[in-house]
Amino acid sequence: MTTASIQDELDAYAKSVAFSSPATLQRLRPGLNDVDIDQFETAHDIVIPASAREIWKWRDGEEEARPRTFVASGRFMPLGEGIAAGTNLLASRRVAHTDPRPGATWIQLVAGMGPGLCVEIQGPACSVVLADPASPVTDFPVVPIAELVRLWTWALRNGAWALSAEGAWSWDFDRYPPLPQGHLL
């Protein structure tokens, strides 16, 4: 996937959210620029690949207050909070010896009602992993960022997720895709 396609997927998803609940989009924070992201890299001694940068250049997560969240499964994390949360999740996995990917860096993308979704960075590549602390990462699908966002859009358009005008989410698990992809919603 090119980095432009990630922003295209995020724009398509945001349009689907806006159709049901325009107020939910008001929770999104302005995107970061490359200088801002470079400062996070320096402060945390990490390298954020271009495809991951595109997420937080698009928008730097969302405000914290509930019940409105941009994603049905939880809060879209600002980059600084996502780095801290991802670091903590990986540290707990390493203590429990459930980290099959030594040398990886995680940035939590979505935090909420269950296992979070993290962007996993290994060198120049990155993908999205389900951060279930009780299970190996290999038990769940690992997908490119754009594929995850495409799945969110699919969930809204096909009734697996529904968003009220007030910003409250509901779920129809009978409409979810089969496992393992269904885990990502």
C-alpha atoms as a PDB file:
ATOM      1  CA  MET A   1       0.000   0.000   0.000  1.00  0.00           C
ATOM      2  CA  THR A   2       1.193   3.468  -0.727  1.00  0.00           C
ATOM      3  CA  THR A   3       0.999   6.079   1.985  1.00  0.00           C
ATOM      4  CA  ALA A   4      -1.542   8.037  -0.079  1.00  0.00           C
ATOM      5  CA  SER A   5      -3.896   5.052   0.025  1.00  0.00           C
ATOM      6  CA  ILE A   6      -3.885   5.072   3.831  1.00  0.00           C
ATOM      7  CA  GLN A   7      -5.112   8.664   3.902  1.00  0.00           C
ATOM      8  CA  ASP A   8      -7.671   7.789   1.192  1.00  0.00           C
ATOM      9  CA  GLU A   9      -8.962   4.923   3.356  1.00  0.00           C
ATOM     10  CA  LEU A  10      -9.107   7.173   6.436  1.00  0.00           C
ATOM     11  CA  ASP A  11     -11.006   9.815   4.442  1.00  0.00           C
ATOM     12  CA  ALA A  12     -13.499   7.189   3.202  1.00  0.00           C
ATOM     13  CA  TYR A  13     -14.024   5.908   6.747  1.00  0.00           C
ATOM     14  CA  ALA A  14     -14.459   9.467   8.091  1.00  0.00           C
ATOM     15  CA  LYS A  15     -17.142  10.111   5.442  1.00  0.00           C
ATOM     16  CA  SER A  16     -19.008   6.999   6.603  1.00  0.00           C
ATOM     17  CA  VAL A  17     -18.795   8.180  10.224  1.00  0.00           C
ATOM     18  CA  ALA A  18     -19.915  11.710   9.254  1.00  0.00           C
ATOM     19  CA  PHE A  19     -22.954  10.323   7.440  1.00  0.00           C
ATOM     20  CA  SER A  20     -24.301   8.950  10.742  1.00  0.00           C
ATOM     21  CA  SER A  21     -22.789  11.322  13.304  1.00  0.00           C
ATOM     22  CA  PRO A  22     -21.096  14.525  12.119  1.00  0.00           C
ATOM     23  CA  ALA A  23     -20.405  15.498  15.750  1.00  0.00           C
ATOM     24  CA  THR A  24     -18.139  12.478  16.163  1.00  0.00           C
ATOM     25  CA  LEU A  25     -15.666  13.984  13.686  1.00  0.00           C
ATOM     26  CA  GLN A  26     -15.358  17.088  15.846  1.00  0.00           C
ATOM     27  CA  ARG A  27     -13.488  14.953  18.379  1.00  0.00           C
ATOM     28  CA  LEU A  28     -10.583  14.430  15.989  1.00  0.00           C
ATOM     29  CA  ARG A  29      -7.437  16.387  16.712  1.00  0.00           C
ATOM     30  CA  PRO A  30      -5.520  18.177  13.932  1.00  0.00           C
ATOM     31  CA  GLY A  31      -2.865  16.109  12.199  1.00  0.00           C
ATOM     32  CA  LEU A  32       0.811  16.345  13.025  1.00  0.00           C
ATOM     33  CA  ASN A  33       3.515  17.501  10.646  1.00  0.00           C
ATOM     34  CA  ASP A  34       6.816  15.735   9.970  1.00  0.00           C
ATOM     35  CA  VAL A  35       8.687  17.950  12.453  1.00  0.00           C
ATOM     36  CA  ASP A  36       6.240  16.961  15.232  1.00  0.00           C
ATOM     37  CA  ILE A  37       6.616  13.266  14.405  1.00  0.00           C
ATOM     38  CA  ASP A  38      10.414  13.612  14.192  1.00  0.00           C
ATOM     39  CA  GLN A  39      10.377  15.010  17.743  1.00  0.00           C
ATOM     40  CA  PHE A  40       8.444  11.945  18.987  1.00  0.00           C
ATOM     41  CA  GLU A  41      10.966   9.702  17.231  1.00  0.00           C
ATOM     42  CA  THR A  42      13.882  11.482  18.896  1.00  0.00           C
ATOM     43  CA  ALA A  43      12.250  11.537  22.333  1.00  0.00           C
ATOM     44  CA  HIS A  44      11.443   7.807  22.228  1.00  0.00           C
ATOM     45  CA  ASP A  45      14.412   6.594  20.163  1.00  0.00           C
ATOM     46  CA  ILE A  46      12.194   5.006  17.510  1.00  0.00           C
ATOM     47  CA  VAL A  47      11.741   5.303  13.765  1.00  0.00           C
ATOM     48  CA  ILE A  48       8.170   5.633  12.530  1.00  0.00           C
ATOM     49  CA  PRO A  49       7.846   4.404   8.928  1.00  0.00           C
ATOM     50  CA  ALA A  50       6.069   6.515   6.314  1.00  0.00           C
ATOM     51  CA  SER A  51       2.916   4.373   6.335  1.00  0.00           C
ATOM     52  CA  ALA A  52       2.491   4.789  10.102  1.00  0.00           C
ATOM     53  CA  ARG A  53       3.290   8.502   9.912  1.00  0.00           C
ATOM     54  CA  GLU A  54       0.379   8.935   7.514  1.00  0.00           C
ATOM     55  CA  ILE A  55      -2.098   7.978  10.244  1.00  0.00           C
ATOM     56  CA  TRP A  56      -1.064  10.722  12.630  1.00  0.00           C
ATOM     57  CA  LYS A  57      -0.398  13.228   9.849  1.00  0.00           C
ATOM     58  CA  TRP A  58      -4.044  12.720   8.866  1.00  0.00           C
ATOM     59  CA  ARG A  59      -5.279  13.322  12.454  1.00  0.00           C
ATOM     60  CA  ASP A  60      -3.495  13.072  15.801  1.00  0.00           C
ATOM     61  CA  GLY A  61      -6.063  10.799  17.370  1.00  0.00           C
ATOM     62  CA  GLU A  62      -9.117  12.081  19.159  1.00  0.00           C
ATOM     63  CA  GLU A  63     -10.085  13.772  22.385  1.00  0.00           C
ATOM     64  CA  GLU A  64     -10.525  11.502  25.391  1.00  0.00           C
ATOM     65  CA  ALA A  65     -14.155  12.032  26.467  1.00  0.00           C
ATOM     66  CA  ARG A  66     -16.695   9.301  25.755  1.00  0.00           C
ATOM     67  CA  PRO A  67     -19.238   8.164  24.568  1.00  0.00           C
ATOM     68  CA  ARG A  68     -18.271   9.348  21.104  1.00  0.00           C
ATOM     69  CA  THR A  69     -15.286   7.532  19.669  1.00  0.00           C
ATOM     70  CA  PHE A  70     -14.104   7.641  16.087  1.00  0.00           C
ATOM     71  CA  VAL A  71     -13.778   3.839  15.957  1.00  0.00           C
ATOM     72  CA  ALA A  72     -16.430   1.468  17.335  1.00  0.00           C
ATOM     73  CA  SER A  73     -13.868  -0.616  19.230  1.00  0.00           C
ATOM     74  CA  GLY A  74     -12.341   2.284  21.148  1.00  0.00           C
ATOM     75  CA  ARG A  75     -10.450   5.545  21.134  1.00  0.00           C
ATOM     76  CA  PHE A  76      -8.176   6.549  18.242  1.00  0.00           C
ATOM     77  CA  MET A  77      -5.014   7.342  20.195  1.00  0.00           C
ATOM     78  CA  PRO A  78      -2.937  10.515  19.801  1.00  0.00           C
ATOM     79  CA  LEU A  79       0.624   9.617  18.812  1.00  0.00           C
ATOM     80  CA  GLY A  80       2.296  10.477  22.135  1.00  0.00           C
ATOM     81  CA  GLU A  81      -0.220   8.468  24.145  1.00  0.00           C
ATOM     82  CA  GLY A  82      -0.072   5.648  21.609  1.00  0.00           C
ATOM     83  CA  ILE A  83       3.710   5.381  21.895  1.00  0.00           C
ATOM     84  CA  ALA A  84       3.533   5.216  25.711  1.00  0.00           C
ATOM     85  CA  ALA A  85       0.686   2.674  25.679  1.00  0.00           C
ATOM     86  CA  GLY A  86       2.367   0.512  23.017  1.00  0.00           C
ATOM     87  CA  THR A  87       5.620   0.514  24.966  1.00  0.00           C
ATOM     88  CA  ASN A  88       3.764  -0.614  28.116  1.00  0.00           C
ATOM     89  CA  LEU A  89       1.864  -3.349  26.252  1.00  0.00           C
ATOM     90  CA  LEU A  90       5.072  -4.754  24.787  1.00  0.00           C
ATOM     91  CA  ALA A  91       6.847  -4.576  28.144  1.00  0.00           C
ATOM     92  CA  SER A  92       4.081  -6.615  29.796  1.00  0.00           C
ATOM     93  CA  ARG A  93       4.204  -9.185  26.981  1.00  0.00           C
ATOM     94  CA  ARG A  94       7.963  -9.510  27.315  1.00  0.00           C
ATOM     95  CA  VAL A  95       7.680 -10.090  31.069  1.00  0.00           C
ATOM     96  CA  ALA A  96       5.102 -12.813  30.371  1.00  0.00           C
ATOM     97  CA  HIS A  97       7.289 -14.224  27.564  1.00  0.00           C
ATOM     98  CA  THR A  98       4.516 -13.881  24.981  1.00  0.00           C
ATOM     99  CA  ASP A  99       6.436 -11.642  22.572  1.00  0.00           C
ATOM    100  CA  PRO A 100       7.225 -13.584  19.396  1.00  0.00           C
ATOM    101  CA  ARG A 101       8.706 -10.554  17.633  1.00  0.00           C
ATOM    102  CA  PRO A 102      11.850  -9.362  19.410  1.00  0.00           C
ATOM    103  CA  GLY A 103      12.937  -5.900  18.381  1.00  0.00           C
ATOM    104  CA  ALA A 104       9.463  -4.687  17.456  1.00  0.00           C
ATOM    105  CA  THR A 105       8.031  -1.358  18.533  1.00  0.00           C
ATOM    106  CA  TRP A 106       4.295  -0.921  19.099  1.00  0.00           C
ATOM    107  CA  ILE A 107       2.263   2.262  18.897  1.00  0.00           C
ATOM    108  CA  GLN A 108      -1.268   1.776  20.152  1.00  0.00           C
ATOM    109  CA  LEU A 109      -3.697   2.911  17.470  1.00  0.00           C
ATOM    110  CA  VAL A 110      -7.012   2.054  19.166  1.00  0.00           C
ATOM    111  CA  ALA A 111      -7.570   1.549  22.896  1.00  0.00           C
ATOM    112  CA  GLY A 112     -10.894   0.557  24.294  1.00  0.00           C
ATOM    113  CA  MET A 113     -13.248  -2.197  25.122  1.00  0.00           C
ATOM    114  CA  GLY A 114     -10.986  -5.150  24.603  1.00  0.00           C
ATOM    115  CA  PRO A 115      -7.566  -5.875  23.294  1.00  0.00           C
ATOM    116  CA  GLY A 116      -6.177  -2.814  21.631  1.00  0.00           C
ATOM    117  CA  LEU A 117      -4.960  -2.473  18.092  1.00  0.00           C
ATOM    118  CA  CYS A 118      -1.316  -1.526  17.711  1.00  0.00           C
ATOM    119  CA  VAL A 119       0.841  -0.497  14.797  1.00  0.00           C
ATOM    120  CA  GLU A 120       3.832  -2.818  14.944  1.00  0.00           C
ATOM    121  CA  ILE A 121       7.040  -1.371  13.564  1.00  0.00           C
ATOM    122  CA  GLN A 122       9.931  -3.562  12.520  1.00  0.00           C
ATOM    123  CA  GLY A 123      12.453  -1.691  10.454  1.00  0.00           C
ATOM    124  CA  PRO A 124      10.857   0.069   7.480  1.00  0.00           C
ATOM    125  CA  ALA A 125       7.748  -2.133   7.552  1.00  0.00           C
ATOM    126  CA  CYS A 126       4.707  -1.848   9.748  1.00  0.00           C
ATOM    127  CA  SER A 127       1.360  -3.563  10.176  1.00  0.00           C
ATOM    128  CA  VAL A 128      -1.516  -3.691  12.636  1.00  0.00           C
ATOM    129  CA  VAL A 129      -1.629  -6.335  15.367  1.00  0.00           C
ATOM    130  CA  LEU A 130      -4.215  -7.190  17.997  1.00  0.00           C
ATOM    131  CA  ALA A 131      -2.660  -6.481  21.410  1.00  0.00           C
ATOM    132  CA  ASP A 132      -4.317  -9.209  23.472  1.00  0.00           C
ATOM    133  CA  PRO A 133      -1.954  -9.624  26.434  1.00  0.00           C
ATOM    134  CA  ALA A 134      -3.107 -13.183  27.108  1.00  0.00           C
ATOM    135  CA  SER A 135      -2.476 -14.591  23.633  1.00  0.00           C
ATOM    136  CA  PRO A 136       0.405 -14.765  21.208  1.00  0.00           C
ATOM    137  CA  VAL A 137       0.300 -12.180  18.429  1.00  0.00           C
ATOM    138  CA  THR A 138       0.409 -15.063  15.965  1.00  0.00           C
ATOM    139  CA  ASP A 139      -3.091 -16.158  17.084  1.00  0.00           C
ATOM    140  CA  PHE A 140      -4.637 -13.168  15.281  1.00  0.00           C
ATOM    141  CA  PRO A 141      -4.404 -11.637  11.821  1.00  0.00           C
ATOM    142  CA  VAL A 142      -1.679  -9.108  11.125  1.00  0.00           C
ATOM    143  CA  VAL A 143      -2.736  -6.673   8.406  1.00  0.00           C
ATOM    144  CA  PRO A 144      -1.501  -3.538   6.668  1.00  0.00           C
ATOM    145  CA  ILE A 145      -2.886  -0.267   8.044  1.00  0.00           C
ATOM    146  CA  ALA A 146      -4.994   0.502   4.969  1.00  0.00           C
ATOM    147  CA  GLU A 147      -6.607  -2.953   5.134  1.00  0.00           C
ATOM    148  CA  LEU A 148      -7.665  -2.347   8.743  1.00  0.00           C
ATOM    149  CA  VAL A 149      -9.252   1.003   7.902  1.00  0.00           C
ATOM    150  CA  ARG A 150     -10.963  -0.589   4.889  1.00  0.00           C
ATOM    151  CA  LEU A 151     -12.409  -3.188   7.305  1.00  0.00           C
ATOM    152  CA  TRP A 152     -13.775  -0.386   9.541  1.00  0.00           C
ATOM    153  CA  THR A 153     -15.507   1.187   6.539  1.00  0.00           C
ATOM    154  CA  TRP A 154     -16.896  -2.203   5.540  1.00  0.00           C
ATOM    155  CA  ALA A 155     -18.240  -2.723   9.093  1.00  0.00           C
ATOM    156  CA  LEU A 156     -20.143   0.572   8.989  1.00  0.00           C
ATOM    157  CA  ARG A 157     -21.498   0.094   5.483  1.00  0.00           C
ATOM    158  CA  ASN A 158     -22.573  -3.510   6.063  1.00  0.00           C
ATOM    159  CA  GLY A 159     -24.259  -3.138   9.447  1.00  0.00           C
ATOM    160  CA  ALA A 160     -21.662  -4.856  11.633  1.00  0.00           C
ATOM    161  CA  TRP A 161     -21.231  -1.449  13.280  1.00  0.00           C
ATOM    162  CA  ALA A 162     -23.901   1.222  13.593  1.00  0.00           C
ATOM    163  CA  LEU A 163     -23.434   4.768  14.818  1.00  0.00           C
ATOM    164  CA  SER A 164     -26.300   6.876  16.144  1.00  0.00           C
ATOM    165  CA  ALA A 165     -26.587  10.595  15.431  1.00  0.00           C
ATOM    166  CA  GLU A 166     -25.518  11.146  19.069  1.00  0.00           C
ATOM    167  CA  GLY A 167     -22.322   9.160  18.495  1.00  0.00           C
ATOM    168  CA  ALA A 168     -23.228   5.930  20.316  1.00  0.00           C
ATOM    169  CA  TRP A 169     -21.956   2.741  18.700  1.00  0.00           C
ATOM    170  CA  SER A 170     -23.825  -0.558  18.455  1.00  0.00           C
ATOM    171  CA  TRP A 171     -22.627  -3.867  17.088  1.00  0.00           C
ATOM    172  CA  ASP A 172     -24.274  -6.720  15.195  1.00  0.00           C
ATOM    173  CA  PHE A 173     -21.887  -9.624  15.686  1.00  0.00           C
ATOM    174  CA  ASP A 174     -23.908 -11.764  13.261  1.00  0.00           C
ATOM    175  CA  ARG A 175     -22.730  -9.416  10.496  1.00  0.00           C
ATOM    176  CA  TYR A 176     -19.049  -9.572  11.452  1.00  0.00           C
ATOM    177  CA  PRO A 177     -16.643 -11.202   9.026  1.00  0.00           C
ATOM    178  CA  PRO A 178     -15.553 -14.707   9.999  1.00  0.00           C
ATOM    179  CA  LEU A 179     -12.599 -15.178  12.294  1.00  0.00           C
ATOM    180  CA  PRO A 180      -9.770 -14.425  12.257  1.00  0.00           C
ATOM    181  CA  GLN A 181     -10.597 -11.109  10.455  1.00  0.00           C
ATOM    182  CA  GLY A 182     -13.525 -10.514  12.823  1.00  0.00           C
ATOM    183  CA  HIS A 183     -11.055 -10.147  15.695  1.00  0.00           C
ATOM    184  CA  LEU A 184      -9.859  -6.857  14.189  1.00  0.00           C
ATOM    185  CA  LEU A 185     -13.242  -5.201  14.676  1.00  0.00           C
END
